[in-house]
Amino acid sequence: QGDWSSDVCSSDLGSQRFFVLSINTRLEHYHCAFETIQSNPFFGIGITDLKKNLQQCYDERKTEFNKYGRYFNIHNEWLEETARHGILGLFVYMIAFFLFFKKAIRSKNKIYFQFLIIVLFAGMAETIFSRAQGVLMIAFFNSIFLITPPQKDLQADK
């Protein structure tokens, strides 16, 4: 008899058995992220060293998902930004979004506001800006929203 996690989380894929539970995997990512942030909290470790540092942490912890030889990012934009660029980088990231929200509110653009909320919440579950597709999508839509003229108040026209 195995433990409950192997009973619940195992599935056969050919000759390989996977015992990876999504929440446990994310907790491993977060643990390594916090270790990385603690090593250089103010300025971060940089873009290129992050991958190497995370891989080393995964190797040391002998994580189940790591034995297949694939690199995994942190799966949290806020933690990844802090690990890459430190607290100062996170501060710049937050200021940028503050300015975007300010623009959305001043221009009374509800769709832009909702778009920003979605991006921020999606960043809690995935690192959007680590891939070109995420950067291009966010940059494209954010640019369109930024150049859109302010909405007229429909109540004032009546």
Protein backbone atom coordinates (compact mmCIF):
# COMPACT_ATOMS: atom_id res chain seq x y z
CA GLN A 1 0.00 0.00 0.00
CA GLY A 2 1.25 3.47 -0.92
CA ASP A 3 0.56 6.71 0.81
CA TRP A 4 -2.53 8.75 -0.03
CA SER A 5 -0.68 11.09 -2.40
CA SER A 6 0.54 8.28 -4.62
CA ASP A 7 -2.95 6.76 -4.67
CA VAL A 8 -4.60 10.06 -5.55
CA CYS A 9 -1.97 11.57 -7.83
CA SER A 10 -0.55 8.67 -9.77
CA SER A 11 -1.37 7.90 -13.35
CA ASP A 12 0.26 5.52 -15.78
CA LEU A 13 1.74 7.01 -18.93
CA GLY A 14 3.37 4.09 -20.68
CA SER A 15 6.21 2.85 -18.52
CA GLN A 16 6.53 6.05 -16.47
CA ARG A 17 4.56 6.82 -13.33
CA PHE A 18 4.00 10.39 -12.32
CA PHE A 19 3.33 11.30 -8.69
CA VAL A 20 3.15 15.04 -9.13
CA LEU A 21 0.33 16.91 -7.50
CA SER A 22 -0.08 20.42 -8.88
CA ILE A 23 -0.23 22.15 -5.52
CA ASN A 24 2.87 20.34 -4.26
CA THR A 25 4.71 21.29 -7.43
CA ARG A 26 3.81 24.95 -7.02
CA LEU A 27 4.84 24.89 -3.38
CA GLU A 28 8.24 23.56 -4.47
CA HIS A 29 8.49 26.39 -7.01
CA TYR A 30 7.57 28.94 -4.36
CA HIS A 31 10.05 27.50 -1.86
CA CYS A 32 12.90 27.81 -4.37
CA ALA A 33 11.69 31.31 -5.29
CA PHE A 34 11.82 32.46 -1.67
CA GLU A 35 15.30 30.98 -1.28
CA THR A 36 16.41 32.86 -4.39
CA ILE A 37 14.84 36.12 -3.20
CA GLN A 38 16.50 35.79 0.20
CA SER A 39 19.91 35.48 -1.45
CA ASN A 40 19.63 38.96 -3.02
CA PRO A 41 16.42 40.68 -1.94
CA PHE A 42 17.02 44.26 -3.11
CA PHE A 43 18.42 43.86 -6.61
CA GLY A 44 17.55 40.25 -7.46
CA ILE A 45 19.85 37.81 -9.20
CA GLY A 46 19.18 38.83 -12.79
CA ILE A 47 17.40 37.20 -15.69
CA THR A 48 20.11 34.75 -16.74
CA ASP A 49 21.04 33.56 -13.26
CA LEU A 50 17.44 32.89 -12.25
CA LYS A 51 17.08 29.78 -14.39
CA LYS A 52 20.39 28.37 -13.17
CA ASN A 53 19.60 29.17 -9.54
CA LEU A 54 16.13 27.62 -9.69
CA GLN A 55 17.45 24.50 -11.40
CA GLN A 56 20.09 24.12 -8.70
CA CYS A 57 17.43 24.46 -5.99
CA TYR A 58 15.22 21.87 -7.71
CA ASP A 59 18.22 19.51 -7.96
CA GLU A 60 19.12 19.97 -4.28
CA ARG A 61 15.56 19.35 -3.17
CA LYS A 62 15.25 16.32 -5.49
CA THR A 63 11.86 17.48 -6.63
CA GLU A 64 9.67 14.91 -8.36
CA PHE A 65 9.00 17.11 -11.40
CA ASN A 66 12.71 17.86 -11.87
CA LYS A 67 13.78 14.31 -12.61
CA TYR A 68 12.47 14.62 -16.16
CA GLY A 69 15.13 17.21 -16.99
CA ARG A 70 12.88 20.15 -17.80
CA TYR A 71 13.27 23.68 -16.49
CA PHE A 72 10.26 25.09 -14.68
CA ASN A 73 9.70 28.74 -13.95
CA ILE A 74 8.22 29.92 -10.66
CA HIS A 75 4.62 30.10 -11.96
CA ASN A 76 3.99 33.38 -10.17
CA GLU A 77 4.77 36.68 -11.89
CA TRP A 78 5.14 38.58 -8.62
CA LEU A 79 7.67 36.13 -7.16
CA GLU A 80 9.53 35.76 -10.43
CA GLU A 81 9.83 39.52 -10.85
CA THR A 82 11.14 39.83 -7.30
CA ALA A 83 13.63 36.98 -7.80
CA ARG A 84 14.84 38.46 -11.11
CA HIS A 85 15.03 42.15 -10.20
CA GLY A 86 14.60 42.26 -6.42
CA ILE A 87 12.29 44.43 -4.39
CA LEU A 88 13.28 47.44 -6.49
CA GLY A 89 12.19 45.65 -9.67
CA LEU A 90 8.92 44.63 -8.05
CA PHE A 91 8.40 48.25 -7.04
CA VAL A 92 8.89 49.41 -10.66
CA TYR A 93 6.49 46.66 -11.83
CA MET A 94 3.87 47.84 -9.35
CA ILE A 95 4.32 51.51 -10.30
CA ALA A 96 3.79 50.63 -13.97
CA PHE A 97 0.52 48.89 -13.15
CA PHE A 98 -0.50 51.75 -10.88
CA LEU A 99 -0.04 54.15 -13.79
CA PHE A 100 -1.99 51.84 -16.12
CA PHE A 101 -4.84 51.63 -13.60
CA LYS A 102 -4.77 55.42 -13.20
CA LYS A 103 -5.12 55.80 -16.99
CA ALA A 104 -7.98 53.27 -17.09
CA ILE A 105 -9.86 55.07 -14.31
CA ARG A 106 -9.30 58.58 -15.66
CA SER A 107 -10.36 57.56 -19.16
CA LYS A 108 -13.36 55.66 -17.71
CA ASN A 109 -12.36 52.63 -19.74
CA LYS A 110 -13.94 49.69 -17.92
CA ILE A 111 -12.63 47.15 -20.41
CA TYR A 112 -9.04 48.34 -19.90
CA PHE A 113 -9.55 48.22 -16.13
CA GLN A 114 -10.86 44.65 -16.36
CA PHE A 115 -7.98 43.68 -18.65
CA LEU A 116 -5.48 44.92 -16.05
CA ILE A 117 -7.26 43.02 -13.28
CA ILE A 118 -7.11 39.83 -15.37
CA VAL A 119 -3.40 40.31 -16.05
CA LEU A 120 -2.64 40.86 -12.37
CA PHE A 121 -4.63 37.84 -11.25
CA ALA A 122 -3.21 35.66 -14.02
CA GLY A 123 0.22 36.64 -12.74
CA MET A 124 -0.54 34.84 -9.49
CA ALA A 125 -0.75 31.51 -11.31
CA GLU A 126 1.68 31.94 -14.20
CA THR A 127 4.71 33.96 -15.21
CA ILE A 128 3.27 35.80 -18.18
CA PHE A 129 6.29 37.99 -18.92
CA SER A 130 8.75 35.06 -19.09
CA ARG A 131 7.57 34.07 -22.55
CA ALA A 132 7.46 36.06 -25.74
CA GLN A 133 3.79 35.20 -26.29
CA GLY A 134 2.81 36.74 -22.96
CA VAL A 135 4.88 39.86 -23.49
CA LEU A 136 3.52 40.38 -27.00
CA MET A 137 -0.10 39.84 -25.99
CA ILE A 138 0.08 42.19 -22.99
CA ALA A 139 2.07 44.81 -24.92
CA PHE A 140 -0.34 44.69 -27.87
CA PHE A 141 -3.54 45.07 -25.87
CA ASN A 142 -2.05 47.49 -23.37
CA SER A 143 -0.85 49.73 -26.24
CA ILE A 144 -4.29 49.71 -27.82
CA PHE A 145 -5.91 50.66 -24.52
CA LEU A 146 -3.33 53.37 -23.84
CA ILE A 147 -3.97 55.14 -27.16
CA THR A 148 -7.76 54.80 -26.99
CA PRO A 149 -9.34 58.20 -26.33
CA PRO A 150 -11.29 58.67 -23.07
CA GLN A 151 -14.88 57.40 -23.00
CA LYS A 152 -17.63 60.01 -23.11
CA ASP A 153 -20.05 59.95 -20.22
CA LEU A 154 -23.36 58.74 -21.61
CA GLN A 155 -25.28 60.41 -18.79
CA ALA A 156 -23.99 63.87 -19.81
CA ASP A 157 -25.40 63.53 -23.33
CA LYS A 158 -28.99 63.18 -22.11
